[in-house]
Amino acid sequence: MTTLALLHPGEMGTAVGICARDVGACVAWSSAGRSEQSRQRARDAGFQACESIVDLLEIADIAISVCPPHAAVDLAQSVISAGFAGLFVDANAIAPATARRISELMKAAGIEFLDAGIIGPPPSAGARSTLYLSGGDALAIERLFAGTPLSVRAIDGPVGVASALKACYAAWNKGATALLANVRALAAHEGVESALLDEWNPSQPDALKRSEHARNSARKAWRWTGEMDEIAATFRDAGLPDGFHMGASEVFRRLDIFKDRSDPPSIDEVTRAINKSPARRL
C-alpha cells in the first residue's frame, strides 16, 4: 500500500487526499500547527494523523504539497529538513522559476521531484479536475489516482512546464474575476453601476455573469493574492507586462476580510471592500 503524506489538508488538499484514499492509499497528515478547521477536515476524511512532519515523512512514500503559494518554498525546506527520502510533488500555484528553485533544493537533498499544477475545483464525484505533471517520471502518481475524479496528465518538458500551464490558465480565469470585480467597484464609485449592468445584460451577458463570481471567490481571495503575485512574476520573467496581475493581487488583497466566511458576501459587500472610498452619487 502506498502512503501519501498530505502536507496541507485545506479544501483542495483534502479533496486530493480523498481521491487517493478511495482507491486504496493510506493518506497521512501532520496535525502540528494546523488550524482546527484543517484538523476537522482531516478527521472527517479519515486520514491518519501524525504528531509532527518528521513522523509523517518517515512513513510516507510520496509527499504532495498543496498549500498557499507564499508558503511553498518554506514547506519544501521543512520537508528537506525532516529527512524525507521519497517522491515530492509540488502541486502549488507557483511561478515556473519558483518550481525550479524548489526542484534544485530537493535534488540537492537527494529527493525525487515532480512539478505539478491542478486545474479545476476540488475533485469529487461531481467535479473532475486535472493534475498536470512535468519534469520527471509520473507513473507512480498516475497509478495513485487512477480511476478517481482527479485525472493525471504528464506533459513533455522540464520542471516548470506544469507550473507555467497552471499560471497561464489562472492568469485568465482568476485574473478576469479580479478585473470584473474591479470594474464593478469603479462603476459603483462613479454611480453608474446600474447603467453598466443594464448595458451588459444584452451586450455582454458573460461579463455580467462572471462579475458575480467574485462573490463566491471572495473567501478564497487571501490565497489568490499570492497566486497573482506568482503569475505576475511569471510574466515579468518572460519579459511581458506584469501589471495586470499585480493589480489583480491588490484586488484580492482587499477581499481577504472574507477569509473562511461560510456564506458568500453580496456583490455590494465585495465592491465596497475593493473600493475603499465612498460611492459617488449622481
Protein backbone atom coordinates (compact mmCIF):
# COMPACT_ATOMS: atom_id res chain seq x y z
CA MET A 1 0.00 0.00 0.00
CA THR A 2 1.26 3.47 -0.91
CA THR A 3 1.39 6.00 1.91
CA LEU A 4 0.73 9.57 0.80
CA ALA A 5 1.81 12.45 3.00
CA LEU A 6 -0.71 15.25 2.59
CA LEU A 7 1.21 18.34 3.64
CA HIS A 8 -1.69 20.77 3.86
CA PRO A 9 -5.28 19.49 4.32
CA GLY A 10 -7.04 22.59 3.02
CA GLU A 11 -10.08 22.29 0.77
CA MET A 12 -8.11 21.31 -2.33
CA GLY A 13 -5.55 19.19 -0.50
CA THR A 14 -8.22 17.27 1.38
CA ALA A 15 -10.13 16.55 -1.84
CA VAL A 16 -6.91 15.27 -3.46
CA GLY A 17 -6.24 13.09 -0.43
CA ILE A 18 -9.74 11.64 -0.51
CA CYS A 19 -9.22 10.64 -4.15
CA ALA A 20 -6.11 8.67 -3.17
CA ARG A 21 -7.80 7.21 -0.10
CA ASP A 22 -10.77 5.99 -2.09
CA VAL A 23 -8.58 3.81 -4.31
CA GLY A 24 -6.62 2.23 -1.50
CA ALA A 25 -3.80 4.55 -0.47
CA CYS A 26 -3.03 5.35 3.14
CA VAL A 27 -3.29 9.14 3.43
CA ALA A 28 -1.49 10.68 6.40
CA TRP A 29 -1.01 14.22 7.64
CA SER A 30 0.68 16.15 10.45
CA SER A 31 -1.52 17.97 12.94
CA ALA A 32 1.31 20.20 14.17
CA GLY A 33 0.48 23.87 13.67
CA ARG A 34 -2.75 23.21 11.80
CA SER A 35 -5.97 25.11 12.44
CA GLU A 36 -8.98 23.42 13.99
CA GLN A 37 -10.73 23.73 10.64
CA SER A 38 -7.94 21.76 8.94
CA ARG A 39 -7.92 19.23 11.76
CA GLN A 40 -11.64 18.66 11.37
CA ARG A 41 -11.32 18.20 7.60
CA ALA A 42 -8.64 15.57 8.09
CA ARG A 43 -10.62 13.77 10.80
CA ASP A 44 -13.75 13.75 8.68
CA ALA A 45 -11.76 12.29 5.77
CA GLY A 46 -10.31 9.54 7.94
CA PHE A 47 -6.68 10.48 7.29
CA GLN A 48 -4.00 9.03 9.57
CA ALA A 49 -2.75 11.69 11.98
CA CYS A 50 0.94 12.15 12.84
CA GLU A 51 2.22 14.44 15.57
CA SER A 52 4.99 16.05 13.53
CA ILE A 53 6.11 16.44 9.96
CA VAL A 54 9.11 14.25 10.78
CA ASP A 55 6.81 11.43 11.94
CA LEU A 56 4.68 11.94 8.83
CA LEU A 57 7.52 11.80 6.34
CA GLU A 58 9.12 8.77 7.99
CA ILE A 59 6.16 6.63 6.89
CA ALA A 60 5.45 8.29 3.50
CA ASP A 61 6.37 7.04 0.04
CA ILE A 62 5.03 10.16 -1.67
CA ALA A 63 4.55 13.67 -0.30
CA ILE A 64 2.26 16.14 -2.03
CA SER A 65 2.35 19.86 -1.27
CA VAL A 66 -0.93 21.76 -1.78
CA CYS A 67 -0.58 24.95 0.22
CA PRO A 68 -0.96 28.72 -0.23
CA PRO A 69 1.63 29.78 -2.84
CA HIS A 70 3.53 32.08 -0.49
CA ALA A 71 4.30 29.09 1.78
CA ALA A 72 5.52 26.69 -0.92
CA VAL A 73 9.27 27.25 -0.55
CA ASP A 74 9.24 27.17 3.25
CA LEU A 75 7.18 23.98 3.26
CA ALA A 76 9.57 22.35 0.80
CA GLN A 77 12.51 23.28 3.02
CA SER A 78 10.77 21.74 6.04
CA VAL A 79 10.38 18.51 4.04
CA ILE A 80 14.11 18.51 3.33
CA SER A 81 14.92 19.22 6.98
CA ALA A 82 12.74 16.28 8.02
CA GLY A 83 14.96 13.92 6.02
CA PHE A 84 12.32 12.77 3.54
CA ALA A 85 13.57 10.20 1.05
CA GLY A 86 10.59 9.59 -1.24
CA LEU A 87 8.88 11.41 -4.14
CA PHE A 88 7.93 15.05 -3.58
CA VAL A 89 5.13 16.50 -5.71
CA ASP A 90 4.77 20.28 -5.64
CA ALA A 91 1.18 20.97 -6.71
CA ASN A 92 1.11 24.63 -5.71
CA ALA A 93 0.11 27.61 -7.86
CA ILE A 94 3.64 28.93 -8.19
CA ALA A 95 5.76 30.52 -10.90
CA PRO A 96 7.93 28.24 -13.03
CA ALA A 97 11.00 29.90 -11.52
CA THR A 98 9.74 29.04 -8.03
CA ALA A 99 9.17 25.44 -9.09
CA ARG A 100 12.71 25.25 -10.46
CA ARG A 101 14.09 26.68 -7.23
CA ILE A 102 12.26 24.06 -5.16
CA SER A 103 13.38 21.34 -7.57
CA GLU A 104 17.02 22.34 -7.12
CA LEU A 105 16.65 22.25 -3.35
CA MET A 106 15.05 18.81 -3.49
CA LYS A 107 17.57 17.32 -5.87
CA ALA A 108 20.46 18.63 -3.79
CA ALA A 109 18.96 16.70 -0.89
CA GLY A 110 18.54 13.56 -2.99
CA ILE A 111 14.74 13.80 -3.16
CA GLU A 112 12.88 12.92 -6.35
CA PHE A 113 10.77 15.85 -7.56
CA LEU A 114 7.73 16.41 -9.77
CA ASP A 115 6.43 19.81 -10.83
CA ALA A 116 2.62 19.83 -10.75
CA GLY A 117 -0.36 22.09 -11.29
CA ILE A 118 -4.03 21.43 -10.51
CA ILE A 119 -6.61 22.90 -12.87
CA GLY A 120 -10.22 22.72 -11.76
CA PRO A 121 -12.19 22.70 -8.49
CA PRO A 122 -11.51 20.36 -5.55
CA PRO A 123 -12.08 16.96 -7.22
CA SER A 124 -15.12 14.96 -6.19
CA ALA A 125 -17.75 12.71 -7.73
CA GLY A 126 -19.44 15.75 -9.26
CA ALA A 127 -16.39 17.85 -10.07
CA ARG A 128 -13.45 16.50 -12.03
CA SER A 129 -10.05 18.20 -12.09
CA THR A 130 -6.70 17.58 -13.76
CA LEU A 131 -3.28 17.26 -12.14
CA TYR A 132 -0.62 18.18 -14.70
CA LEU A 133 2.91 16.89 -14.12
CA SER A 134 6.29 17.67 -15.65
CA GLY A 135 9.97 17.22 -15.02
CA GLY A 136 10.09 13.56 -14.02
CA ASP A 137 8.55 10.10 -14.08
CA ALA A 138 4.82 10.50 -13.44
CA LEU A 139 3.95 6.79 -13.40
CA ALA A 140 3.63 6.50 -9.61
CA ILE A 141 1.21 9.45 -9.49
CA GLU A 142 -0.79 8.15 -12.45
CA ARG A 143 -1.23 4.87 -10.59
CA LEU A 144 -2.05 6.60 -7.31
CA PHE A 145 -5.03 8.48 -8.75
CA ALA A 146 -6.17 6.04 -11.45
CA GLY A 147 -9.95 5.87 -11.68
CA THR A 148 -10.54 8.91 -9.44
CA PRO A 149 -12.08 12.34 -10.18
CA LEU A 150 -8.51 13.67 -10.32
CA SER A 151 -7.16 12.99 -13.81
CA VAL A 152 -3.38 12.91 -14.15
CA ARG A 153 -1.65 14.14 -17.29
CA ALA A 154 2.09 14.13 -17.78
CA ILE A 155 3.21 16.80 -20.24
CA ASP A 156 6.51 16.95 -22.08
CA GLY A 157 9.11 19.31 -20.77
CA PRO A 158 11.32 20.05 -17.78
CA VAL A 159 10.42 21.25 -14.31
CA GLY A 160 8.39 24.44 -14.60
CA VAL A 161 6.21 23.41 -17.54
CA ALA A 162 3.29 22.21 -15.40
CA SER A 163 3.51 25.34 -13.25
CA ALA A 164 3.59 27.51 -16.38
CA LEU A 165 0.43 25.86 -17.70
CA LYS A 166 -1.34 26.44 -14.40
CA ALA A 167 -0.17 30.07 -14.36
CA CYS A 168 -1.45 30.71 -17.88
CA TYR A 169 -4.82 29.15 -17.08
CA ALA A 170 -5.29 31.06 -13.82
CA ALA A 171 -3.97 34.29 -15.35
CA TRP A 172 -7.15 34.44 -17.39
CA ASN A 173 -9.61 32.58 -15.18
CA LYS A 174 -8.89 34.26 -11.85
CA GLY A 175 -7.43 37.40 -13.41
CA ALA A 176 -10.70 38.03 -15.24
CA THR A 177 -12.62 37.64 -11.98
CA ALA A 178 -10.43 40.30 -10.36
CA LEU A 179 -10.76 42.64 -13.36
CA LEU A 180 -14.54 42.41 -13.48
CA ALA A 181 -14.87 42.85 -9.72
CA ASN A 182 -12.68 45.95 -10.01
CA VAL A 183 -14.83 47.27 -12.84
CA ARG A 184 -17.95 46.79 -10.70
CA ALA A 185 -16.23 48.68 -7.87
CA LEU A 186 -15.35 51.54 -10.23
CA ALA A 187 -18.89 51.68 -11.58
CA ALA A 188 -20.27 51.79 -8.03
CA HIS A 189 -17.84 54.56 -7.11
CA GLU A 190 -18.88 56.63 -10.13
CA GLY A 191 -22.59 55.96 -9.62
CA VAL A 192 -23.07 54.14 -12.92
CA GLU A 193 -23.26 50.50 -11.78
CA SER A 194 -26.96 50.13 -12.57
CA ALA A 195 -26.49 51.63 -16.05
CA LEU A 196 -23.48 49.38 -16.67
CA LEU A 197 -25.42 46.25 -15.69
CA ASP A 198 -28.31 47.30 -17.92
CA GLU A 199 -25.87 47.60 -20.82
CA TRP A 200 -24.01 44.38 -20.01
CA ASN A 201 -27.23 42.37 -19.84
CA PRO A 202 -27.88 42.41 -23.62
CA SER A 203 -24.43 43.21 -24.97
CA GLN A 204 -22.03 41.37 -22.59
CA PRO A 205 -24.06 38.77 -20.68
CA ASP A 206 -20.96 36.71 -19.97
CA ALA A 207 -19.29 39.71 -18.31
CA LEU A 208 -22.38 40.23 -16.16
CA LYS A 209 -22.39 36.58 -15.09
CA ARG A 210 -18.65 36.41 -14.49
CA SER A 211 -18.68 39.60 -12.45
CA GLU A 212 -20.92 37.83 -9.95
CA HIS A 213 -18.27 35.10 -9.49
CA ALA A 214 -16.39 37.47 -7.21
CA ARG A 215 -19.00 36.75 -4.53
CA ASN A 216 -18.18 33.04 -4.39
CA SER A 217 -14.46 33.68 -4.80
CA ALA A 218 -14.14 36.26 -2.04
CA ARG A 219 -13.50 33.81 0.79
CA LYS A 220 -10.57 32.35 -1.20
CA ALA A 221 -9.12 35.74 -2.11
CA TRP A 222 -6.46 35.60 0.63
CA ARG A 223 -5.00 32.57 -1.12
CA TRP A 224 -5.28 34.02 -4.63
CA THR A 225 -3.25 37.10 -3.68
CA GLY A 226 -0.09 35.01 -3.59
CA GLU A 227 -1.08 33.21 -6.79
CA MET A 228 -1.45 36.53 -8.63
CA ASP A 229 1.99 37.57 -7.34
CA GLU A 230 3.46 34.34 -8.74
CA ILE A 231 1.68 34.89 -12.06
CA ALA A 232 2.96 38.47 -12.24
CA ALA A 233 6.48 37.14 -11.68
CA THR A 234 5.93 34.60 -14.47
CA PHE A 235 5.02 37.36 -16.93
CA ARG A 236 7.91 39.50 -15.72
CA ASP A 237 10.41 36.67 -16.16
CA ALA A 238 9.14 36.26 -19.73
CA GLY A 239 9.72 39.95 -20.48
CA LEU A 240 5.96 40.59 -20.62
CA PRO A 241 3.92 43.26 -18.79
CA ASP A 242 3.18 42.14 -15.23
CA GLY A 243 0.93 44.99 -14.11
CA PHE A 244 -2.34 43.22 -14.90
CA HIS A 245 -1.79 40.60 -12.23
CA MET A 246 -0.10 42.91 -9.75
CA GLY A 247 -3.40 44.78 -9.87
CA ALA A 248 -5.35 41.54 -9.50
CA SER A 249 -3.26 40.72 -6.45
CA GLU A 250 -4.27 44.02 -4.87
CA VAL A 251 -7.96 43.39 -5.66
CA PHE A 252 -7.82 40.02 -3.90
CA ARG A 253 -5.83 41.51 -1.02
CA ARG A 254 -8.70 43.90 -0.36
CA LEU A 255 -11.08 40.94 -0.23
CA ASP A 256 -9.15 38.99 2.40
CA ILE A 257 -11.60 40.24 5.03
CA PHE A 258 -13.92 37.50 3.77
CA LYS A 259 -11.43 34.69 4.51
CA ASP A 260 -13.18 31.45 5.50
CA ARG A 261 -16.59 33.12 5.62
CA SER A 262 -19.23 30.39 5.40
CA ASP A 263 -21.73 32.33 3.30
CA PRO A 264 -20.72 34.31 0.19
CA PRO A 265 -20.80 38.09 0.62
CA SER A 266 -23.12 40.12 -1.56
CA ILE A 267 -21.67 41.78 -4.64
CA ASP A 268 -22.24 45.12 -2.88
CA GLU A 269 -20.06 43.96 0.02
CA VAL A 270 -17.40 42.89 -2.46
CA THR A 271 -17.35 46.21 -4.31
CA ARG A 272 -17.30 48.16 -1.04
CA ALA A 273 -14.30 46.13 0.13
CA ILE A 274 -12.44 46.81 -3.12
CA ASN A 275 -13.43 50.45 -3.27
CA LYS A 276 -12.08 51.99 -0.09
CA SER A 277 -13.64 55.39 -0.77
CA PRO A 278 -17.40 56.04 -0.60
CA ALA A 279 -19.52 55.66 -3.71
CA ARG A 280 -20.21 58.77 -5.75
CA ARG A 281 -23.89 59.57 -6.23
CA LEU A 282 -25.02 61.26 -9.44
